[in-house]
Amino acid sequence: MSRRRIILVALVLLVVCGVGYAGLRSAYHDDKDQRDLADLTRSSPWPREHLLIPDDVTRPGTVGWVDRGGLNIAYALRTADGRSVPVLWRLRVPQPATGLPEGVDCAVPRLRTCTDLGDGRTLVVTHDTDNSDPSIALYRADGATVRAIEVQGPDPVGVDDLSAALTRVHPPTEAELLDLLRHDGYQTDWS
């Protein structure tokens, strides 16, 4: 066999092995992504395909987590006047008696002022007391879910900005969910 032919055979083998390795590696990562997604959304009260996320949460610094009450996403909301305000956006299970998530009680006016805005929306202003920090939250009841957005502290955010964040939502892709829920160093298995 000539030297040229040996080099050609070696190159072909190298390319075939490289493509095979890349295919195996890609399949391994796809499988790992599926395991991670199943683990990260296991405690959700709804199947993954029923989850919703705000349209504008794909910025760096956004963090999400799922617990038995639903999906939580902390991110910076862009307001109509151009500010970036930290908020907590939630998709929660409504309580049958109030239609609001667990822990939201409008029965104590000294602590919270609740205003029905119609269309399933409730504005909740939590006052600054010994037990609570001031906040503004907007809840939107939607059948088996309640969408919520809360702003802690003194940053005034208009109802229109909050309402837009609850209205402009979409079902997340698997890649979006992984980006939101899988934090640096996360491992479902030790591989």
C-alpha atoms as a PDB file:
ATOM      1  CA  MET A   1       0.000   0.000   0.000  1.00  0.00           C
ATOM      2  CA  SER A   2       1.299   3.400  -0.868  1.00  0.00           C
ATOM      3  CA  ARG A   3       1.898   6.023   1.719  1.00  0.00           C
ATOM      4  CA  ARG A   4      -0.753   8.264   0.204  1.00  0.00           C
ATOM      5  CA  ARG A   5      -3.366   5.519   0.494  1.00  0.00           C
ATOM      6  CA  ILE A   6      -2.475   4.859   4.152  1.00  0.00           C
ATOM      7  CA  ILE A   7      -2.858   8.554   4.970  1.00  0.00           C
ATOM      8  CA  LEU A   8      -6.218   8.673   3.154  1.00  0.00           C
ATOM      9  CA  VAL A   9      -7.499   5.600   5.035  1.00  0.00           C
ATOM     10  CA  ALA A  10      -6.304   7.080   8.333  1.00  0.00           C
ATOM     11  CA  LEU A  11      -8.084  10.366   7.595  1.00  0.00           C
ATOM     12  CA  VAL A  12     -11.328   8.583   6.677  1.00  0.00           C
ATOM     13  CA  LEU A  13     -11.157   6.539   9.895  1.00  0.00           C
ATOM     14  CA  LEU A  14     -10.469   9.689  11.909  1.00  0.00           C
ATOM     15  CA  VAL A  15     -13.481  11.477  10.384  1.00  0.00           C
ATOM     16  CA  VAL A  16     -15.772   8.468  10.894  1.00  0.00           C
ATOM     17  CA  CYS A  17     -14.667   8.088  14.518  1.00  0.00           C
ATOM     18  CA  GLY A  18     -15.040  11.835  15.118  1.00  0.00           C
ATOM     19  CA  VAL A  19     -18.574  11.892  13.714  1.00  0.00           C
ATOM     20  CA  GLY A  20     -19.489   8.804  15.749  1.00  0.00           C
ATOM     21  CA  TYR A  21     -18.111  10.353  18.930  1.00  0.00           C
ATOM     22  CA  ALA A  22     -19.976  13.621  18.278  1.00  0.00           C
ATOM     23  CA  GLY A  23     -23.210  11.673  17.745  1.00  0.00           C
ATOM     24  CA  LEU A  24     -22.768   9.716  20.977  1.00  0.00           C
ATOM     25  CA  ARG A  25     -21.888  12.855  22.910  1.00  0.00           C
ATOM     26  CA  SER A  26     -24.938  14.693  21.542  1.00  0.00           C
ATOM     27  CA  ALA A  27     -27.234  11.776  22.440  1.00  0.00           C
ATOM     28  CA  TYR A  28     -25.745  11.678  25.952  1.00  0.00           C
ATOM     29  CA  HIS A  29     -26.395  15.425  26.464  1.00  0.00           C
ATOM     30  CA  ASP A  30     -29.929  15.168  25.077  1.00  0.00           C
ATOM     31  CA  ASP A  31     -30.649  12.296  27.468  1.00  0.00           C
ATOM     32  CA  LYS A  32     -29.136  14.221  30.395  1.00  0.00           C
ATOM     33  CA  ASP A  33     -31.240  17.294  29.514  1.00  0.00           C
ATOM     34  CA  GLN A  34     -34.379  15.146  29.620  1.00  0.00           C
ATOM     35  CA  ARG A  35     -33.410  13.666  33.021  1.00  0.00           C
ATOM     36  CA  ASP A  36     -32.640  17.136  34.393  1.00  0.00           C
ATOM     37  CA  LEU A  37     -35.911  18.573  33.079  1.00  0.00           C
ATOM     38  CA  ALA A  38     -37.901  15.715  34.617  1.00  0.00           C
ATOM     39  CA  ASP A  39     -36.130  16.197  37.962  1.00  0.00           C
ATOM     40  CA  LEU A  40     -36.434  19.998  37.956  1.00  0.00           C
ATOM     41  CA  THR A  41     -40.177  19.965  37.204  1.00  0.00           C
ATOM     42  CA  ARG A  42     -41.095  16.887  39.271  1.00  0.00           C
ATOM     43  CA  SER A  43     -42.757  18.869  42.084  1.00  0.00           C
ATOM     44  CA  SER A  44     -44.900  20.972  39.721  1.00  0.00           C
ATOM     45  CA  PRO A  45     -48.648  20.654  40.282  1.00  0.00           C
ATOM     46  CA  TRP A  46     -49.101  20.649  36.481  1.00  0.00           C
ATOM     47  CA  PRO A  47     -47.469  18.813  33.584  1.00  0.00           C
ATOM     48  CA  ARG A  48     -44.654  20.716  31.833  1.00  0.00           C
ATOM     49  CA  GLU A  49     -46.828  21.454  28.806  1.00  0.00           C
ATOM     50  CA  HIS A  50     -49.212  23.488  31.020  1.00  0.00           C
ATOM     51  CA  LEU A  51     -46.491  25.766  32.404  1.00  0.00           C
ATOM     52  CA  LEU A  52     -46.304  29.373  31.235  1.00  0.00           C
ATOM     53  CA  ILE A  53     -43.492  31.923  31.445  1.00  0.00           C
ATOM     54  CA  PRO A  54     -43.414  35.662  30.758  1.00  0.00           C
ATOM     55  CA  ASP A  55     -42.236  36.611  27.280  1.00  0.00           C
ATOM     56  CA  ASP A  56     -39.362  38.777  28.537  1.00  0.00           C
ATOM     57  CA  VAL A  57     -37.575  36.449  30.988  1.00  0.00           C
ATOM     58  CA  THR A  58     -34.782  35.273  28.733  1.00  0.00           C
ATOM     59  CA  ARG A  59     -32.295  37.858  30.031  1.00  0.00           C
ATOM     60  CA  PRO A  60     -29.172  37.023  32.038  1.00  0.00           C
ATOM     61  CA  GLY A  61     -29.729  37.023  35.791  1.00  0.00           C
ATOM     62  CA  THR A  62     -33.147  35.411  35.563  1.00  0.00           C
ATOM     63  CA  VAL A  63     -33.641  32.520  37.959  1.00  0.00           C
ATOM     64  CA  GLY A  64     -36.528  30.101  38.297  1.00  0.00           C
ATOM     65  CA  TRP A  65     -37.590  27.198  40.481  1.00  0.00           C
ATOM     66  CA  VAL A  66     -40.536  24.853  40.819  1.00  0.00           C
ATOM     67  CA  ASP A  67     -42.111  23.791  44.093  1.00  0.00           C
ATOM     68  CA  ARG A  68     -45.352  22.069  45.056  1.00  0.00           C
ATOM     69  CA  GLY A  69     -47.205  25.397  44.768  1.00  0.00           C
ATOM     70  CA  GLY A  70     -46.077  26.107  41.208  1.00  0.00           C
ATOM     71  CA  LEU A  71     -43.460  27.928  39.157  1.00  0.00           C
ATOM     72  CA  ASN A  72     -41.475  30.928  40.463  1.00  0.00           C
ATOM     73  CA  ILE A  73     -39.303  33.244  38.349  1.00  0.00           C
ATOM     74  CA  ALA A  74     -37.209  36.131  39.670  1.00  0.00           C
ATOM     75  CA  TYR A  75     -36.213  38.581  36.957  1.00  0.00           C
ATOM     76  CA  ALA A  76     -35.880  42.258  36.081  1.00  0.00           C
ATOM     77  CA  LEU A  77     -39.107  43.702  34.649  1.00  0.00           C
ATOM     78  CA  ARG A  78     -38.686  46.447  32.068  1.00  0.00           C
ATOM     79  CA  THR A  79     -41.275  49.135  32.786  1.00  0.00           C
ATOM     80  CA  ALA A  80     -42.859  51.444  30.213  1.00  0.00           C
ATOM     81  CA  ASP A  81     -40.654  54.305  31.452  1.00  0.00           C
ATOM     82  CA  GLY A  82     -37.485  52.242  30.806  1.00  0.00           C
ATOM     83  CA  ARG A  83     -36.641  51.194  34.364  1.00  0.00           C
ATOM     84  CA  SER A  84     -35.536  47.696  35.279  1.00  0.00           C
ATOM     85  CA  VAL A  85     -37.317  46.596  38.464  1.00  0.00           C
ATOM     86  CA  PRO A  86     -36.711  43.240  40.231  1.00  0.00           C
ATOM     87  CA  VAL A  87     -39.915  41.204  40.425  1.00  0.00           C
ATOM     88  CA  LEU A  88     -41.085  37.757  41.383  1.00  0.00           C
ATOM     89  CA  TRP A  89     -43.410  36.215  38.774  1.00  0.00           C
ATOM     90  CA  ARG A  90     -45.370  33.120  39.779  1.00  0.00           C
ATOM     91  CA  LEU A  91     -47.715  30.539  38.353  1.00  0.00           C
ATOM     92  CA  ARG A  92     -49.559  29.189  41.397  1.00  0.00           C
ATOM     93  CA  VAL A  93     -52.426  26.958  42.484  1.00  0.00           C
ATOM     94  CA  PRO A  94     -55.468  29.023  43.552  1.00  0.00           C
ATOM     95  CA  GLN A  95     -57.157  28.460  46.897  1.00  0.00           C
ATOM     96  CA  PRO A  96     -60.830  27.500  46.370  1.00  0.00           C
ATOM     97  CA  ALA A  97     -62.221  30.065  48.838  1.00  0.00           C
ATOM     98  CA  THR A  98     -60.416  33.153  47.501  1.00  0.00           C
ATOM     99  CA  GLY A  99     -59.024  32.295  44.080  1.00  0.00           C
ATOM    100  CA  LEU A 100     -55.687  33.630  45.316  1.00  0.00           C
ATOM    101  CA  PRO A 101     -52.572  31.553  46.063  1.00  0.00           C
ATOM    102  CA  GLU A 102     -51.881  30.066  49.485  1.00  0.00           C
ATOM    103  CA  GLY A 103     -50.621  32.668  51.948  1.00  0.00           C
ATOM    104  CA  VAL A 104     -52.404  35.659  50.377  1.00  0.00           C
ATOM    105  CA  ASP A 105     -55.017  36.863  52.828  1.00  0.00           C
ATOM    106  CA  CYS A 106     -57.001  40.032  52.248  1.00  0.00           C
ATOM    107  CA  ALA A 107     -58.878  39.801  55.569  1.00  0.00           C
ATOM    108  CA  VAL A 108     -56.573  42.175  57.489  1.00  0.00           C
ATOM    109  CA  PRO A 109     -56.800  45.680  55.945  1.00  0.00           C
ATOM    110  CA  ARG A 110     -54.043  47.004  58.231  1.00  0.00           C
ATOM    111  CA  LEU A 111     -51.667  44.513  56.584  1.00  0.00           C
ATOM    112  CA  ARG A 112     -53.016  44.325  53.031  1.00  0.00           C
ATOM    113  CA  THR A 113     -55.326  46.311  50.808  1.00  0.00           C
ATOM    114  CA  CYS A 114     -56.935  44.225  48.068  1.00  0.00           C
ATOM    115  CA  THR A 115     -58.681  45.721  45.051  1.00  0.00           C
ATOM    116  CA  ASP A 116     -60.680  43.741  42.512  1.00  0.00           C
ATOM    117  CA  LEU A 117     -59.737  45.135  39.086  1.00  0.00           C
ATOM    118  CA  GLY A 118     -62.102  42.864  37.141  1.00  0.00           C
ATOM    119  CA  ASP A 119     -61.228  40.198  34.553  1.00  0.00           C
ATOM    120  CA  GLY A 120     -59.967  37.934  37.346  1.00  0.00           C
ATOM    121  CA  ARG A 121     -57.319  40.468  38.421  1.00  0.00           C
ATOM    122  CA  THR A 122     -56.697  41.472  42.039  1.00  0.00           C
ATOM    123  CA  LEU A 123     -54.247  44.181  43.090  1.00  0.00           C
ATOM    124  CA  VAL A 124     -52.753  43.540  46.542  1.00  0.00           C
ATOM    125  CA  VAL A 125     -50.779  46.242  48.347  1.00  0.00           C
ATOM    126  CA  THR A 126     -48.940  44.983  51.428  1.00  0.00           C
ATOM    127  CA  HIS A 127     -48.273  47.765  53.899  1.00  0.00           C
ATOM    128  CA  ASP A 128     -45.098  48.371  55.880  1.00  0.00           C
ATOM    129  CA  THR A 129     -45.746  46.871  59.316  1.00  0.00           C
ATOM    130  CA  ASP A 130     -43.705  45.163  62.015  1.00  0.00           C
ATOM    131  CA  ASN A 131     -44.292  41.794  60.275  1.00  0.00           C
ATOM    132  CA  SER A 132     -44.179  42.733  56.618  1.00  0.00           C
ATOM    133  CA  ASP A 133     -42.256  44.708  54.061  1.00  0.00           C
ATOM    134  CA  PRO A 134     -44.155  46.904  51.631  1.00  0.00           C
ATOM    135  CA  SER A 135     -44.951  45.345  48.267  1.00  0.00           C
ATOM    136  CA  ILE A 136     -47.324  45.546  45.346  1.00  0.00           C
ATOM    137  CA  ALA A 137     -48.652  42.391  43.715  1.00  0.00           C
ATOM    138  CA  LEU A 138     -51.067  41.714  40.906  1.00  0.00           C
ATOM    139  CA  TYR A 139     -52.861  38.355  40.682  1.00  0.00           C
ATOM    140  CA  ARG A 140     -54.722  37.061  37.656  1.00  0.00           C
ATOM    141  CA  ALA A 141     -56.990  34.044  38.142  1.00  0.00           C
ATOM    142  CA  ASP A 142     -57.131  31.786  35.113  1.00  0.00           C
ATOM    143  CA  GLY A 143     -59.026  28.565  35.871  1.00  0.00           C
ATOM    144  CA  ALA A 144     -56.717  26.069  37.580  1.00  0.00           C
ATOM    145  CA  THR A 145     -53.876  28.599  37.836  1.00  0.00           C
ATOM    146  CA  VAL A 146     -53.194  32.042  39.224  1.00  0.00           C
ATOM    147  CA  ARG A 147     -50.510  34.172  37.636  1.00  0.00           C
ATOM    148  CA  ALA A 148     -48.874  36.576  40.051  1.00  0.00           C
ATOM    149  CA  ILE A 149     -46.236  39.273  39.893  1.00  0.00           C
ATOM    150  CA  GLU A 150     -44.850  40.991  42.993  1.00  0.00           C
ATOM    151  CA  VAL A 151     -42.591  44.002  43.451  1.00  0.00           C
ATOM    152  CA  GLN A 152     -40.918  44.294  46.857  1.00  0.00           C
ATOM    153  CA  GLY A 153     -39.980  47.631  48.355  1.00  0.00           C
ATOM    154  CA  PRO A 154     -40.640  51.198  47.422  1.00  0.00           C
ATOM    155  CA  ASP A 155     -40.243  50.925  43.608  1.00  0.00           C
ATOM    156  CA  PRO A 156     -43.564  52.130  42.232  1.00  0.00           C
ATOM    157  CA  VAL A 157     -44.657  50.023  39.277  1.00  0.00           C
ATOM    158  CA  GLY A 158     -47.891  50.757  37.458  1.00  0.00           C
ATOM    159  CA  VAL A 159     -50.720  48.270  37.129  1.00  0.00           C
ATOM    160  CA  ASP A 160     -50.319  48.383  33.332  1.00  0.00           C
ATOM    161  CA  ASP A 161     -46.692  47.191  33.576  1.00  0.00           C
ATOM    162  CA  LEU A 162     -47.645  44.427  36.014  1.00  0.00           C
ATOM    163  CA  SER A 163     -50.659  43.408  33.936  1.00  0.00           C
ATOM    164  CA  ALA A 164     -48.549  43.204  30.770  1.00  0.00           C
ATOM    165  CA  ALA A 165     -46.144  40.806  32.505  1.00  0.00           C
ATOM    166  CA  LEU A 166     -49.075  38.547  33.430  1.00  0.00           C
ATOM    167  CA  THR A 167     -50.689  38.729  29.987  1.00  0.00           C
ATOM    168  CA  ARG A 168     -47.677  38.361  27.690  1.00  0.00           C
ATOM    169  CA  VAL A 169     -46.822  34.740  28.402  1.00  0.00           C
ATOM    170  CA  HIS A 170     -46.086  31.597  26.431  1.00  0.00           C
ATOM    171  CA  PRO A 171     -45.529  27.883  27.038  1.00  0.00           C
ATOM    172  CA  PRO A 172     -41.765  27.494  27.460  1.00  0.00           C
ATOM    173  CA  THR A 173     -39.639  25.323  25.235  1.00  0.00           C
ATOM    174  CA  GLU A 174     -37.589  22.622  26.924  1.00  0.00           C
ATOM    175  CA  ALA A 175     -34.473  24.738  26.330  1.00  0.00           C
ATOM    176  CA  GLU A 176     -36.094  27.783  28.009  1.00  0.00           C
ATOM    177  CA  LEU A 177     -37.141  25.704  31.019  1.00  0.00           C
ATOM    178  CA  LEU A 178     -33.661  24.235  31.386  1.00  0.00           C
ATOM    179  CA  ASP A 179     -32.132  27.703  31.110  1.00  0.00           C
ATOM    180  CA  LEU A 180     -34.455  29.024  33.832  1.00  0.00           C
ATOM    181  CA  LEU A 181     -34.358  26.085  36.233  1.00  0.00           C
ATOM    182  CA  ARG A 182     -30.925  24.466  35.855  1.00  0.00           C
ATOM    183  CA  HIS A 183     -28.437  26.585  37.756  1.00  0.00           C
ATOM    184  CA  ASP A 184     -24.636  26.413  37.579  1.00  0.00           C
ATOM    185  CA  GLY A 185     -23.366  23.240  39.178  1.00  0.00           C
ATOM    186  CA  TYR A 186     -26.758  21.492  39.051  1.00  0.00           C
ATOM    187  CA  GLN A 187     -26.596  17.685  38.785  1.00  0.00           C
ATOM    188  CA  THR A 188     -29.401  15.145  38.805  1.00  0.00           C
ATOM    189  CA  ASP A 189     -26.919  12.326  38.654  1.00  0.00           C
ATOM    190  CA  TRP A 190     -23.221  12.210  39.293  1.00  0.00           C
ATOM    191  CA  SER A 191     -22.191  11.770  35.680  1.00  0.00           C
END
